[in-house]
Protein backbone atom coordinates (compact mmCIF):
# COMPACT_ATOMS: atom_id res chain seq x y z
CA MET A 1 -25.64 -3.88 -10.39
CA ARG A 2 -22.78 -1.88 -8.82
CA TYR A 3 -19.11 -2.81 -8.75
CA VAL A 4 -16.53 -1.35 -6.37
CA CYS A 5 -12.81 -0.75 -6.94
CA SER A 6 -10.86 -2.53 -4.25
CA VAL A 7 -8.13 0.16 -4.31
CA CYS A 8 -9.94 3.51 -4.22
CA GLY A 9 -13.58 2.61 -3.63
CA TYR A 10 -14.85 4.02 -6.95
CA ILE A 11 -18.28 2.62 -7.77
CA TYR A 12 -19.21 1.57 -11.30
CA ASP A 13 -23.02 1.76 -11.45
CA GLU A 14 -24.40 -0.15 -14.42
CA ALA A 15 -27.71 1.75 -14.22
CA ARG A 16 -26.00 5.12 -14.35
CA GLU A 17 -23.41 4.13 -16.98
CA GLU A 18 -26.03 2.33 -19.05
CA ALA A 19 -23.54 -0.45 -19.76
CA LYS A 20 -22.97 -3.80 -18.09
CA PHE A 21 -19.68 -4.16 -16.23
CA SER A 22 -19.10 -7.54 -17.91
CA ASP A 23 -19.29 -5.89 -21.33
CA LEU A 24 -16.37 -3.57 -20.58
CA PRO A 25 -13.06 -4.62 -22.25
CA ASP A 26 -10.39 -6.29 -20.12
CA SER A 27 -8.19 -3.24 -20.79
CA TRP A 28 -10.74 -0.93 -19.04
CA LYS A 29 -9.29 0.81 -15.95
CA CYS A 30 -10.74 2.56 -12.96
CA PRO A 31 -11.28 6.24 -13.96
CA LEU A 32 -10.08 7.39 -10.53
CA CYS A 33 -7.01 5.35 -9.70
CA ARG A 34 -6.51 3.41 -12.98
CA ALA A 35 -6.68 0.05 -11.29
CA ALA A 36 -7.40 -2.89 -13.59
CA LYS A 37 -10.95 -4.16 -14.18
CA SER A 38 -9.97 -7.38 -12.31
CA LEU A 39 -9.73 -5.38 -9.04
CA PHE A 40 -13.47 -4.58 -9.06
CA ALA A 41 -15.96 -6.71 -7.15
CA PRO A 42 -19.76 -6.63 -6.78
CA GLU A 43 -20.85 -4.19 -4.10
CA LYS A 44 -21.63 -5.74 -0.74
CA GLY A 45 -24.84 -5.05 1.10
CA ALA A 46 -23.01 -3.22 3.95
CA GLU A 47 -20.01 -0.97 3.50
CA GLU A 48 -16.99 -1.60 5.65
CA PRO A 49 -15.63 1.39 7.62
CA THR A 50 -12.85 3.25 5.84
CA PRO A 51 -9.57 4.05 7.64
CA SER A 52 -9.93 7.79 6.83
CA LYS A 53 -12.93 8.07 9.15
CA ALA A 54 -12.19 8.69 12.78
CA PRO A 55 -13.77 6.15 15.19
CA SER A 56 -16.65 7.25 17.33
CA ALA A 57 -16.15 8.30 20.94
CA SER A 58 -17.77 5.09 22.13
CA ALA A 59 -15.42 3.02 19.96
CA GLN A 60 -12.43 4.91 21.36
CA ASP A 61 -13.65 4.38 24.93
CA ALA A 62 -14.09 0.68 24.24
CA ALA A 63 -10.57 0.38 22.78
CA GLN A 64 -9.07 2.22 25.75
CA ALA A 65 -11.05 0.13 28.22
CA GLN A 66 -9.65 -3.11 26.78
CA PRO A 67 -5.79 -2.92 26.92
CA VAL A 68 -3.61 -5.64 25.55
CA PRO A 69 -3.26 -8.39 28.18
CA THR A 70 -0.08 -8.00 30.23
CA SER A 71 1.03 -11.54 29.53
CA GLN A 72 0.70 -11.01 25.79
CA ALA A 73 2.60 -7.68 25.88
CA GLU A 74 5.35 -9.17 28.00
CA GLY A 75 5.57 -12.13 25.69
CA LEU A 76 6.10 -9.89 22.68
CA ALA A 77 8.62 -7.76 24.57
CA HIS A 78 10.78 -10.45 26.11
CA THR A 79 10.75 -13.51 23.89
CA GLY A 80 12.88 -13.78 20.79
CA GLU A 81 10.44 -16.11 19.11
CA GLU A 82 8.60 -13.21 17.46
CA LEU A 83 11.78 -11.60 16.10
CA LEU A 84 13.16 -12.27 12.63
CA PRO A 85 16.54 -11.20 11.20
CA LEU A 86 16.31 -8.49 8.55
CA SER A 87 18.33 -8.39 5.36
CA ALA A 88 20.31 -5.29 4.37
CA GLY A 89 17.61 -4.41 1.84
CA GLN A 90 14.88 -4.66 4.48
CA LEU A 91 16.89 -2.53 6.87
CA ALA A 92 17.36 0.05 4.09
CA ALA A 93 13.61 0.20 3.55
CA LEU A 94 12.97 0.39 7.29
CA CYS A 95 15.47 3.25 7.84
CA SER A 96 14.08 5.09 4.79
CA ASN A 97 10.56 4.85 6.24
CA LEU A 98 11.81 6.03 9.65
CA ALA A 99 13.51 8.99 7.97
CA ARG A 100 10.24 9.88 6.25
CA GLY A 101 8.43 9.65 9.58
CA CYS A 102 10.93 11.96 11.23
CA GLU A 103 10.46 14.45 8.40
CA LYS A 104 6.75 14.52 9.01
CA GLN A 105 7.39 15.22 12.72
CA TYR A 106 9.93 17.98 11.83
CA HIS A 107 12.86 16.08 13.35
CA GLU A 108 15.35 16.85 10.60
CA GLU A 109 18.48 15.81 12.49
CA GLU A 110 17.06 12.34 13.17
CA ALA A 111 15.78 12.14 9.59
CA GLN A 112 19.28 12.79 8.24
CA LEU A 113 20.74 10.03 10.44
CA PHE A 114 18.12 7.52 9.24
CA ARG A 115 18.81 8.57 5.65
CA LYS A 116 22.52 7.87 6.13
CA LEU A 117 21.69 4.44 7.54
CA ALA A 118 19.33 3.76 4.62
CA ASP A 119 22.05 4.75 2.14
CA TYR A 120 24.57 2.49 3.86
CA PHE A 121 22.29 -0.54 3.91
CA THR A 122 21.34 0.15 0.26
CA SER A 123 25.00 0.18 -0.67
CA ILE A 124 25.61 -3.31 0.79
CA THR A 125 22.39 -4.86 -0.47
CA PRO A 126 23.35 -7.68 -2.88
CA ALA A 127 21.66 -8.06 -6.27
CA VAL A 128 18.62 -10.34 -6.27
CA PRO A 129 19.58 -13.45 -8.26
CA ASP A 130 16.02 -14.28 -9.43
CA ALA A 131 14.83 -10.75 -10.08
CA SER A 132 12.02 -11.12 -12.58
CA VAL A 133 8.47 -9.96 -13.20
CA GLU A 134 7.25 -13.42 -12.34
CA ALA A 135 9.10 -13.52 -9.03
CA LEU A 136 7.78 -10.06 -8.13
CA ALA A 137 4.22 -11.11 -8.96
CA ALA A 138 4.63 -14.13 -6.67
CA LEU A 139 5.79 -11.91 -3.82
CA PHE A 140 2.77 -9.61 -4.26
CA GLN A 141 0.44 -12.61 -4.26
CA ASP A 142 2.08 -14.02 -1.14
CA ASP A 143 1.61 -10.67 0.64
CA LEU A 144 -2.05 -10.49 -0.29
CA SER A 145 -2.95 -14.13 0.40
CA ALA A 146 -0.85 -14.75 3.51
CA GLY A 147 1.11 -11.71 4.76
CA TYR A 148 -1.67 -9.16 5.24
CA PRO A 149 -4.21 -11.64 6.67
CA ALA A 150 -1.66 -12.74 9.30
CA LEU A 151 -0.69 -9.15 10.14
CA LYS A 152 -4.34 -8.07 10.43
CA ALA A 153 -5.11 -10.99 12.70
CA THR A 154 -2.24 -10.10 15.00
CA ALA A 155 -3.20 -6.40 14.99
CA GLN A 156 -6.82 -7.22 15.83
CA ALA A 157 -5.76 -9.56 18.62
CA GLY A 158 -3.59 -6.84 20.09
CA GLN A 159 -6.21 -4.14 19.50
CA ASP A 160 -3.61 -2.14 17.57
CA ARG A 161 -5.73 0.28 15.53
CA GLY A 162 -2.65 1.96 14.03
CA THR A 163 -1.42 -1.30 12.51
CA GLN A 164 -4.91 -2.14 11.33
CA ARG A 165 -5.02 1.16 9.41
CA ILE A 166 -1.59 0.42 7.95
CA CYS A 167 -2.95 -2.95 6.79
CA VAL A 168 -5.85 -1.30 5.01
CA TRP A 169 -3.64 1.18 3.18
CA GLY A 170 -0.88 -1.37 2.54
CA GLU A 171 -3.22 -3.95 1.11
CA LYS A 172 -4.80 -1.40 -1.27
CA VAL A 173 -1.34 -0.21 -2.43
CA THR A 174 -0.14 -3.81 -2.91
CA ASN A 175 -3.25 -4.58 -4.91
CA MET A 176 -2.51 -1.56 -7.11
CA LEU A 177 1.12 -2.61 -7.59
CA ARG A 178 -0.01 -6.09 -8.59
CA SER A 179 -2.49 -4.52 -11.03
CA LEU A 180 0.24 -2.41 -12.58
CA LEU A 181 2.50 -5.44 -12.86
CA GLU A 182 -0.26 -7.32 -14.66
CA GLN A 183 -0.73 -4.34 -16.99
CA TYR A 184 3.02 -4.30 -17.64
CA GLN A 185 3.00 -8.01 -18.43
CA ALA A 186 0.22 -7.38 -20.97
CA GLU A 187 1.46 -4.12 -22.52
CA GLY A 188 5.23 -4.18 -21.98
CA GLU A 189 7.23 -0.94 -22.13
CA ALA A 190 4.35 0.74 -23.94
CA LEU A 191 2.65 1.13 -20.55
CA LEU A 192 5.43 3.44 -19.38
CA ALA A 193 6.51 5.06 -22.63
CA GLY A 194 6.61 8.86 -22.25
CA THR A 195 4.29 8.78 -19.22
CA PRO A 196 5.40 10.01 -15.76
CA ILE A 197 5.15 7.77 -12.71
CA TRP A 198 3.99 9.32 -9.43
CA VAL A 199 4.25 7.90 -5.91
CA CYS A 200 2.31 9.12 -2.89
CA THR A 201 4.86 9.94 -0.19
CA VAL A 202 2.34 9.07 2.55
CA CYS A 203 0.95 5.65 1.61
CA GLY A 204 3.05 4.54 -1.39
CA PHE A 205 0.21 4.50 -3.96
CA VAL A 206 1.63 4.46 -7.52
CA TYR A 207 -0.05 6.35 -10.36
CA ILE A 208 0.93 6.42 -14.03
CA GLY A 209 -0.28 9.56 -15.80
CA GLU A 210 0.64 13.03 -16.94
CA ALA A 211 -0.22 14.52 -13.54
CA PRO A 212 -0.92 12.97 -10.11
CA PRO A 213 -4.55 12.70 -8.97
CA GLN A 214 -5.95 15.67 -7.08
CA LEU A 215 -6.35 13.43 -4.05
CA CYS A 216 -4.58 10.19 -3.37
CA PRO A 217 -7.16 7.41 -4.03
CA VAL A 218 -5.94 5.50 -0.95
CA CYS A 219 -4.98 7.94 1.82
CA LYS A 220 -6.73 11.11 0.44
CA VAL A 221 -3.71 13.47 0.74
CA PRO A 222 -3.48 16.28 -1.90
CA ALA A 223 -1.56 16.03 -5.17
CA TRP A 224 1.50 17.95 -3.84
CA LYS A 225 2.25 14.97 -1.63
CA PHE A 226 3.12 12.95 -4.75
CA GLU A 227 6.70 12.69 -6.07
CA GLN A 228 7.60 11.94 -9.66
CA ILE A 229 9.85 8.91 -10.08
CA GLU A 230 12.57 9.20 -12.67
CA GLY A 231 13.37 6.18 -14.80
CA ARG A 232 16.77 4.60 -14.76
CA ALA A 233 19.21 5.60 -17.46
CA SER A 234 19.83 3.00 -20.15
CA ALA A 235 23.07 1.07 -19.76
């Protein structure tokens, strides 16, 4: 029997390892991305395409031959029903991401402007009254059970391959964050004691270890694309 990590795709082969997956302790982690054992599932008969593989020419032709219906595009562009107000915190995150995108396109002037906006919205973001591990876990679960399925359905309906790829990466990263949160709930501060935390600047994958992985388990960029996150100073 073979089990696949839902974050990085690592395969645990019982025949090769000479040990049943069910016999592994609950504390066992993926040797590649350190995801929890609970994020592994039995291997399916057919592998799903990964976002890192470019689509075939025929697939590209098919996508180009089937544009989004004009009525649907106009509806999204001109109706306010699809628009939702964003909080200061959400705007801060949005501007921060836009700044990062500008950096990658070598538009430093625009990146600086978006960073200033991100800093401003961060400064006016109020404290979250119910900030707790349990509340954060509920938000992750809501994203995985409702948020990503809805976004993927919309992206598929609109034939938006870029958003579909974002969904694949985002869902894997969110799964990893939920896994780390579960580990933190079980181990407490011992999980983070004296161990650096690394974040992939491309997809947001989080890794706890002495050094970042040679390749990001989610988006496959090299280790130098990771940044070390410094802990907050004690009050």
